[in-house]
PDB file of N, CA and C in Angstrom:
ATOM      1  N   UNK A   1       0.673  -1.257   0.192  1.00  0.00           N
ATOM      2  CA  UNK A   1      -0.321   0.000   0.244  1.00  0.00           C
ATOM      3  C   UNK A   1       1.141   0.982   0.430  1.00  0.00           C
ATOM      4  N   UNK A   2       0.391   2.479  -0.648  1.00  0.00           N
ATOM      5  CA  UNK A   2       1.626   3.226  -1.286  1.00  0.00           C
ATOM      6  C   UNK A   2       0.971   4.420  -0.532  1.00  0.00           C
ATOM      7  N   UNK A   3       1.376   5.062   0.461  1.00  0.00           N
ATOM      8  CA  UNK A   3       1.231   6.330   1.725  1.00  0.00           C
ATOM      9  C   UNK A   3       0.888   7.147   0.838  1.00  0.00           C
ATOM     10  N   UNK A   4      -0.241   8.031   1.103  1.00  0.00           N
ATOM     11  CA  UNK A   4      -0.183   9.737   0.730  1.00  0.00           C
ATOM     12  C   UNK A   4       0.739  10.605   1.204  1.00  0.00           C
ATOM     13  N   UNK A   5       1.433  11.289   0.357  1.00  0.00           N
ATOM     14  CA  UNK A   5       2.246  12.245   0.976  1.00  0.00           C
ATOM     15  C   UNK A   5       1.532  13.726   1.565  1.00  0.00           C
ATOM     16  N   UNK A   6       1.408  14.206   2.514  1.00  0.00           N
ATOM     17  CA  UNK A   6       0.905  15.572   3.189  1.00  0.00           C
ATOM     18  C   UNK A   6       1.395  16.194   3.316  1.00  0.00           C
ATOM     19  N   UNK A   7       2.832  16.733   2.548  1.00  0.00           N
ATOM     20  CA  UNK A   7       3.526  17.947   2.713  1.00  0.00           C
ATOM     21  C   UNK A   7       2.900  19.061   2.238  1.00  0.00           C
ATOM     22  N   UNK A   8       2.133  19.105   0.830  1.00  0.00           N
ATOM     23  CA  UNK A   8       1.547  20.610   1.010  1.00  0.00           C
ATOM     24  C   UNK A   8       0.061  20.662   1.259  1.00  0.00           C
ATOM     25  N   UNK A   9      -0.481  19.394   2.066  1.00  0.00           N
ATOM     26  CA  UNK A   9      -1.757  20.309   3.011  1.00  0.00           C
ATOM     27  C   UNK A   9      -0.856  20.604   4.131  1.00  0.00           C
ATOM     28  N   UNK A  10       0.301  19.431   5.178  1.00  0.00           N
ATOM     29  CA  UNK A  10       0.776  19.935   6.014  1.00  0.00           C
ATOM     30  C   UNK A  10       1.061  21.814   6.384  1.00  0.00           C
ATOM     31  N   UNK A  11       2.321  21.991   5.178  1.00  0.00           N
ATOM     32  CA  UNK A  11       2.603  22.867   4.298  1.00  0.00           C
ATOM     33  C   UNK A  11       1.271  24.320   4.354  1.00  0.00           C
ATOM     34  N   UNK A  12       1.045  24.234   4.161  1.00  0.00           N
ATOM     35  CA  UNK A  12      -0.446  25.008   3.692  1.00  0.00           C
ATOM     36  C   UNK A  12      -1.132  25.135   5.113  1.00  0.00           C
ATOM     37  N   UNK A  13      -1.048  24.082   5.683  1.00  0.00           N
ATOM     38  CA  UNK A  13      -1.981  24.011   7.440  1.00  0.00           C
ATOM     39  C   UNK A  13      -0.934  25.195   8.020  1.00  0.00           C
ATOM     40  N   UNK A  14       0.254  25.046   7.735  1.00  0.00           N
ATOM     41  CA  UNK A  14       1.083  25.951   8.605  1.00  0.00           C
ATOM     42  C   UNK A  14       0.929  27.248   8.147  1.00  0.00           C
ATOM     43  N   UNK A  15       1.589  27.164   6.880  1.00  0.00           N
ATOM     44  CA  UNK A  15       1.309  28.596   6.520  1.00  0.00           C
ATOM     45  C   UNK A  15      -0.204  30.130   6.690  1.00  0.00           C
ATOM     46  N   UNK A  16      -1.256  28.961   6.889  1.00  0.00           N
ATOM     47  CA  UNK A  16      -2.334  29.818   6.999  1.00  0.00           C
ATOM     48  C   UNK A  16      -3.082  30.238   8.553  1.00  0.00           C
ATOM     49  N   UNK A  17      -2.119  28.915   9.773  1.00  0.00           N
ATOM     50  CA  UNK A  17      -2.077  29.044  11.091  1.00  0.00           C
ATOM     51  C   UNK A  17      -0.749  30.778  11.071  1.00  0.00           C
ATOM     52  N   UNK A  18      -0.153  31.192  10.537  1.00  0.00           N
ATOM     53  CA  UNK A  18       0.652  32.120  10.545  1.00  0.00           C
ATOM     54  C   UNK A  18       0.564  33.632  10.069  1.00  0.00           C
ATOM     55  N   UNK A  19      -0.403  33.200   9.088  1.00  0.00           N
ATOM     56  CA  UNK A  19      -1.049  33.819   8.497  1.00  0.00           C
ATOM     57  C   UNK A  19      -2.659  34.721   9.406  1.00  0.00           C
ATOM     58  N   UNK A  20      -2.770  33.579  10.181  1.00  0.00           N
ATOM     59  CA  UNK A  20      -3.575  34.183  10.880  1.00  0.00           C
ATOM     60  C   UNK A  20      -3.402  34.935  12.199  1.00  0.00           C
ATOM     61  N   UNK A  21      -2.066  34.337  12.801  1.00  0.00           N
ATOM     62  CA  UNK A  21      -1.746  34.662  13.685  1.00  0.00           C
ATOM     63  C   UNK A  21      -0.744  35.918  13.983  1.00  0.00           C
ATOM     64  N   UNK A  22      -0.333  36.151  12.464  1.00  0.00           N
ATOM     65  CA  UNK A  22       0.079  37.573  12.320  1.00  0.00           C
ATOM     66  C   UNK A  22      -0.927  38.934  12.131  1.00  0.00           C
ATOM     67  N   UNK A  23      -2.168  38.059  11.364  1.00  0.00           N
ATOM     68  CA  UNK A  23      -3.237  39.239  11.708  1.00  0.00           C
ATOM     69  C   UNK A  23      -3.794  39.887  12.654  1.00  0.00           C
ATOM     70  N   UNK A  24      -3.323  38.398  13.855  1.00  0.00           N
ATOM     71  CA  UNK A  24      -4.007  38.838  15.078  1.00  0.00           C
ATOM     72  C   UNK A  24      -2.974  39.520  15.876  1.00  0.00           C
ATOM     73  N   UNK A  25      -2.375  40.067  15.437  1.00  0.00           N
ATOM     74  CA  UNK A  25      -0.568  40.794  16.042  1.00  0.00           C
ATOM     75  C   UNK A  25      -0.842  42.102  15.491  1.00  0.00           C
ATOM     76  N   UNK A  26      -1.886  42.257  14.118  1.00  0.00           N
ATOM     77  CA  UNK A  26      -2.163  43.355  13.474  1.00  0.00           C
ATOM     78  C   UNK A  26      -0.551  43.496  12.381  1.00  0.00           C
ATOM     79  N   UNK A  27      -0.175  42.208  11.739  1.00  0.00           N
ATOM     80  CA  UNK A  27       0.830  42.421  11.001  1.00  0.00           C
ATOM     81  C   UNK A  27       0.313  41.985   9.776  1.00  0.00           C
ATOM     82  N   UNK A  28       0.309  42.517   8.344  1.00  0.00           N
ATOM     83  CA  UNK A  28       0.449  42.009   6.981  1.00  0.00           C
ATOM     84  C   UNK A  28       1.101  41.062   6.360  1.00  0.00           C
ATOM     85  N   UNK A  29       0.107  40.224   5.571  1.00  0.00           N
ATOM     86  CA  UNK A  29       0.458  39.133   5.260  1.00  0.00           C
ATOM     87  C   UNK A  29       0.513  38.858   3.500  1.00  0.00           C
ATOM     88  N   UNK A  30       0.771  38.548   2.856  1.00  0.00           N
ATOM     89  CA  UNK A  30      -0.049  38.217   1.720  1.00  0.00           C
ATOM     90  C   UNK A  30       0.732  36.696   1.426  1.00  0.00           C
ATOM     91  N   UNK A  31      -0.366  35.609   1.355  1.00  0.00           N
ATOM     92  CA  UNK A  31      -0.166  34.472   0.868  1.00  0.00           C
ATOM     93  C   UNK A  31       0.350  34.578  -0.753  1.00  0.00           C
ATOM     94  N   UNK A  32       1.643  33.565  -1.288  1.00  0.00           N
ATOM     95  CA  UNK A  32       2.203  33.494  -2.726  1.00  0.00           C
ATOM     96  C   UNK A  32       2.329  32.284  -3.035  1.00  0.00           C
ATOM     97  N   UNK A  33       1.500  31.621  -3.915  1.00  0.00           N
ATOM     98  CA  UNK A  33       1.516  30.527  -4.017  1.00  0.00           C
ATOM     99  C   UNK A  33       2.181  30.406  -6.017  1.00  0.00           C
ATOM    100  N   UNK A  34       2.851  31.010  -6.228  1.00  0.00           N
ATOM    101  CA  UNK A  34       3.179  31.594  -7.840  1.00  0.00           C
ATOM    102  C   UNK A  34       4.033  32.207  -7.694  1.00  0.00           C
ATOM    103  N   UNK A  35       5.271  31.841  -7.521  1.00  0.00           N
ATOM    104  CA  UNK A  35       6.624  32.579  -7.986  1.00  0.00           C
ATOM    105  C   UNK A  35       7.784  31.926  -8.897  1.00  0.00           C
ATOM    106  N   UNK A  36       8.497  32.898  -9.571  1.00  0.00           N
ATOM    107  CA  UNK A  36       9.523  32.283 -10.217  1.00  0.00           C
ATOM    108  C   UNK A  36      10.831  31.504  -8.986  1.00  0.00           C
ATOM    109  N   UNK A  37      10.955  30.397  -9.121  1.00  0.00           N
ATOM    110  CA  UNK A  37      10.823  29.187  -9.090  1.00  0.00           C
ATOM    111  C   UNK A  37      12.890  29.404  -8.719  1.00  0.00           C
ATOM    112  N   UNK A  38      13.117  29.917 -10.046  1.00  0.00           N
ATOM    113  CA  UNK A  38      15.338  30.289 -10.126  1.00  0.00           C
ATOM    114  C   UNK A  38      15.198  31.534  -9.293  1.00  0.00           C
ATOM    115  N   UNK A  39      14.497  32.324  -9.272  1.00  0.00           N
ATOM    116  CA  UNK A  39      14.796  33.572  -9.111  1.00  0.00           C
ATOM    117  C   UNK A  39      14.670  33.351  -7.513  1.00  0.00           C
ATOM    118  N   UNK A  40      13.506  32.754  -6.640  1.00  0.00           N
ATOM    119  CA  UNK A  40      14.299  32.421  -5.536  1.00  0.00           C
ATOM    120  C   UNK A  40      15.128  31.598  -4.742  1.00  0.00           C
ATOM    121  N   UNK A  41      15.237  30.993  -5.307  1.00  0.00           N
ATOM    122  CA  UNK A  41      16.651  29.919  -5.292  1.00  0.00           C
ATOM    123  C   UNK A  41      17.824  30.971  -4.957  1.00  0.00           C
ATOM    124  N   UNK A  42      17.660  31.460  -6.172  1.00  0.00           N
ATOM    125  CA  UNK A  42      18.863  32.547  -5.969  1.00  0.00           C
ATOM    126  C   UNK A  42      19.253  33.509  -5.206  1.00  0.00           C
ATOM    127  N   UNK A  43      17.740  34.008  -5.393  1.00  0.00           N
ATOM    128  CA  UNK A  43      17.860  35.332  -3.783  1.00  0.00           C
ATOM    129  C   UNK A  43      17.864  35.106  -2.561  1.00  0.00           C
ATOM    130  N   UNK A  44      17.059  33.488  -2.540  1.00  0.00           N
ATOM    131  CA  UNK A  44      16.594  33.226  -1.380  1.00  0.00           C
ATOM    132  C   UNK A  44      18.129  32.073  -0.591  1.00  0.00           C
ATOM    133  N   UNK A  45      18.659  32.108  -1.567  1.00  0.00           N
ATOM    134  CA  UNK A  45      19.974  30.980  -1.258  1.00  0.00           C
ATOM    135  C   UNK A  45      19.596  29.195  -0.938  1.00  0.00           C
ATOM    136  N   UNK A  46      18.042  28.812  -1.884  1.00  0.00           N
ATOM    137  CA  UNK A  46      17.528  28.198  -1.340  1.00  0.00           C
ATOM    138  C   UNK A  46      18.223  26.924  -2.405  1.00  0.00           C
ATOM    139  N   UNK A  47      18.629  25.666  -1.291  1.00  0.00           N
ATOM    140  CA  UNK A  47      19.646  24.467  -2.298  1.00  0.00           C
ATOM    141  C   UNK A  47      18.732  23.563  -3.059  1.00  0.00           C
ATOM    142  N   UNK A  48      19.408  23.378  -3.913  1.00  0.00           N
ATOM    143  CA  UNK A  48      18.565  22.074  -5.064  1.00  0.00           C
ATOM    144  C   UNK A  48      17.555  21.117  -4.748  1.00  0.00           C
ATOM    145  N   UNK A  49      18.007  21.197  -3.442  1.00  0.00           N
ATOM    146  CA  UNK A  49      17.508  19.604  -2.735  1.00  0.00           C
ATOM    147  C   UNK A  49      15.992  20.152  -1.915  1.00  0.00           C
ATOM    148  N   UNK A  50      15.570  21.634  -1.818  1.00  0.00           N
ATOM    149  CA  UNK A  50      14.501  21.969  -1.402  1.00  0.00           C
ATOM    150  C   UNK A  50      13.743  22.709  -1.835  1.00  0.00           C
ATOM    151  N   UNK A  51      12.052  21.880  -2.356  1.00  0.00           N
ATOM    152  CA  UNK A  51      11.724  23.095  -2.932  1.00  0.00           C
ATOM    153  C   UNK A  51      10.495  23.841  -2.411  1.00  0.00           C
ATOM    154  N   UNK A  52      10.820  25.162  -2.625  1.00  0.00           N
ATOM    155  CA  UNK A  52       9.374  26.013  -1.687  1.00  0.00           C
ATOM    156  C   UNK A  52       8.522  25.374  -2.294  1.00  0.00           C
ATOM    157  N   UNK A  53       7.364  25.776  -1.568  1.00  0.00           N
ATOM    158  CA  UNK A  53       5.817  25.485  -2.045  1.00  0.00           C
ATOM    159  C   UNK A  53       5.276  26.788  -1.828  1.00  0.00           C
ATOM    160  N   UNK A  54       5.181  27.526  -0.517  1.00  0.00           N
ATOM    161  CA  UNK A  54       4.588  29.083  -0.831  1.00  0.00           C
ATOM    162  C   UNK A  54       5.361  29.804  -0.012  1.00  0.00           C
ATOM    163  N   UNK A  55       5.342  31.011  -0.406  1.00  0.00           N
ATOM    164  CA  UNK A  55       5.916  32.383   0.490  1.00  0.00           C
ATOM    165  C   UNK A  55       5.071  33.483   1.135  1.00  0.00           C
ATOM    166  N   UNK A  56       5.728  34.184   1.838  1.00  0.00           N
ATOM    167  CA  UNK A  56       4.610  35.184   2.495  1.00  0.00           C
ATOM    168  C   UNK A  56       5.740  36.169   3.274  1.00  0.00           C
ATOM    169  N   UNK A  57       5.156  37.508   2.412  1.00  0.00           N
ATOM    170  CA  UNK A  57       5.883  38.856   3.188  1.00  0.00           C
ATOM    171  C   UNK A  57       5.454  39.135   4.864  1.00  0.00           C
ATOM    172  N   UNK A  58       6.189  39.517   5.283  1.00  0.00           N
ATOM    173  CA  UNK A  58       5.659  40.013   6.897  1.00  0.00           C
ATOM    174  C   UNK A  58       6.192  40.996   7.268  1.00  0.00           C
ATOM    175  N   UNK A  59       5.187  41.747   7.688  1.00  0.00           N
ATOM    176  CA  UNK A  59       5.189  43.488   7.739  1.00  0.00           C
ATOM    177  C   UNK A  59       4.434  44.222   8.432  1.00  0.00           C
ATOM    178  N   UNK A  60       4.714  45.439   9.461  1.00  0.00           N
ATOM    179  CA  UNK A  60       3.285  46.126   9.603  1.00  0.00           C
ATOM    180  C   UNK A  60       3.158  46.672   8.251  1.00  0.00           C
ATOM    181  N   UNK A  61       1.767  46.892   7.720  1.00  0.00           N
ATOM    182  CA  UNK A  61       1.528  47.717   6.756  1.00  0.00           C
ATOM    183  C   UNK A  61       1.485  49.202   7.182  1.00  0.00           C
ATOM    184  N   UNK A  62       1.488  50.074   5.747  1.00  0.00           N
ATOM    185  CA  UNK A  62       1.713  51.696   6.230  1.00  0.00           C
ATOM    186  C   UNK A  62       0.247  51.930   5.949  1.00  0.00           C
ATOM    187  N   UNK A  63      -0.879  51.351   5.719  1.00  0.00           N
ATOM    188  CA  UNK A  63      -2.191  51.859   5.595  1.00  0.00           C
ATOM    189  C   UNK A  63      -2.811  50.646   6.744  1.00  0.00           C
ATOM    190  N   UNK A  64      -4.055  51.734   7.000  1.00  0.00           N
ATOM    191  CA  UNK A  64      -5.116  51.286   8.094  1.00  0.00           C
ATOM    192  C   UNK A  64      -6.048  50.133   7.490  1.00  0.00           C
ATOM    193  N   UNK A  65      -6.487  48.918   7.823  1.00  0.00           N
ATOM    194  CA  UNK A  65      -7.373  48.564   7.151  1.00  0.00           C
ATOM    195  C   UNK A  65      -8.492  48.606   7.066  1.00  0.00           C
ATOM    196  N   UNK A  66      -9.213  48.724   6.407  1.00  0.00           N
ATOM    197  CA  UNK A  66     -11.062  48.731   6.681  1.00  0.00           C
ATOM    198  C   UNK A  66     -11.329  48.079   7.561  1.00  0.00           C
ATOM    199  N   UNK A  67     -12.581  48.618   8.019  1.00  0.00           N
ATOM    200  CA  UNK A  67     -13.398  48.181   9.043  1.00  0.00           C
ATOM    201  C   UNK A  67     -13.732  46.953   8.255  1.00  0.00           C
ATOM    202  N   UNK A  68     -13.778  45.674   8.918  1.00  0.00           N
ATOM    203  CA  UNK A  68     -14.714  44.371   8.448  1.00  0.00           C
ATOM    204  C   UNK A  68     -16.476  44.257   8.570  1.00  0.00           C
ATOM    205  N   UNK A  69     -16.893  43.745   7.851  1.00  0.00           N
ATOM    206  CA  UNK A  69     -17.970  43.740   7.882  1.00  0.00           C
ATOM    207  C   UNK A  69     -18.438  41.911   7.745  1.00  0.00           C
ATOM    208  N   UNK A  70     -18.970  41.504   8.587  1.00  0.00           N
ATOM    209  CA  UNK A  70     -19.379  39.468   9.091  1.00  0.00           C
ATOM    210  C   UNK A  70     -20.682  40.081   8.614  1.00  0.00           C
ATOM    211  N   UNK A  71     -21.332  38.365   7.771  1.00  0.00           N
ATOM    212  CA  UNK A  71     -22.686  38.549   7.814  1.00  0.00           C
ATOM    213  C   UNK A  71     -22.833  37.782   9.321  1.00  0.00           C
ATOM    214  N   UNK A  72     -23.778  37.326   9.615  1.00  0.00           N
ATOM    215  CA  UNK A  72     -24.746  36.839  10.795  1.00  0.00           C
ATOM    216  C   UNK A  72     -24.428  35.834  10.291  1.00  0.00           C
ATOM    217  N   UNK A  73     -24.860  35.031  11.763  1.00  0.00           N
ATOM    218  CA  UNK A  73     -23.800  33.281  11.505  1.00  0.00           C
ATOM    219  C   UNK A  73     -25.488  32.874  10.837  1.00  0.00           C
ATOM    220  N   UNK A  74     -26.599  33.372  10.674  1.00  0.00           N
ATOM    221  CA  UNK A  74     -27.901  32.219  10.106  1.00  0.00           C
ATOM    222  C   UNK A  74     -27.541  32.749   8.702  1.00  0.00           C
ATOM    223  N   UNK A  75     -26.819  33.160   8.248  1.00  0.00           N
ATOM    224  CA  UNK A  75     -26.485  33.190   6.854  1.00  0.00           C
ATOM    225  C   UNK A  75     -25.896  32.550   6.050  1.00  0.00           C
ATOM    226  N   UNK A  76     -24.747  31.753   6.750  1.00  0.00           N
ATOM    227  CA  UNK A  76     -23.723  31.359   6.717  1.00  0.00           C
ATOM    228  C   UNK A  76     -23.602  29.512   6.937  1.00  0.00           C
ATOM    229  N   UNK A  77     -24.575  29.337   8.061  1.00  0.00           N
ATOM    230  CA  UNK A  77     -24.672  28.366   8.908  1.00  0.00           C
ATOM    231  C   UNK A  77     -26.121  27.445   8.468  1.00  0.00           C
ATOM    232  N   UNK A  78     -25.518  26.651   8.128  1.00  0.00           N
ATOM    233  CA  UNK A  78     -27.236  25.806   8.137  1.00  0.00           C
ATOM    234  C   UNK A  78     -26.941  24.136   8.916  1.00  0.00           C
ATOM    235  N   UNK A  79     -28.079  24.307   9.180  1.00  0.00           N
ATOM    236  CA  UNK A  79     -27.896  22.496  10.073  1.00  0.00           C
ATOM    237  C   UNK A  79     -29.564  21.747   9.638  1.00  0.00           C
ATOM    238  N   UNK A  80     -29.021  20.510   9.484  1.00  0.00           N
ATOM    239  CA  UNK A  80     -29.390  19.409   9.075  1.00  0.00           C
ATOM    240  C   UNK A  80     -29.829  19.204   7.653  1.00  0.00           C
ATOM    241  N   UNK A  81     -30.812  20.941   7.412  1.00  0.00           N
ATOM    242  CA  UNK A  81     -31.375  20.562   5.349  1.00  0.00           C
ATOM    243  C   UNK A  81     -30.749  22.484   5.639  1.00  0.00           C
ATOM    244  N   UNK A  82     -31.236  22.617   4.102  1.00  0.00           N
ATOM    245  CA  UNK A  82     -30.179  24.052   3.273  1.00  0.00           C
ATOM    246  C   UNK A  82     -31.959  24.347   3.645  1.00  0.00           C
ATOM    247  N   UNK A  83     -32.715  25.791   3.854  1.00  0.00           N
ATOM    248  CA  UNK A  83     -33.656  26.185   4.278  1.00  0.00           C
ATOM    249  C   UNK A  83     -33.211  27.726   3.670  1.00  0.00           C
TER     250      UNK A  83
END
């Protein structure tokens, strides 16, 4: 039996948690999944045996985020049936 490799899933979960924690601290981030692999290797000195999957810049934004509006819970959650 062949086992599934969860590297990409685990990496995505870790990045998601990092972004949520950073946001909670007032830091700005941006999920970057499409990038120039050759340039990333050169700029960050990433060895050939390491495959980067995602990046995020991390820092304090210059601008103020606009207030968040949230839907009411009954607008997004369904119990048992769709009504």
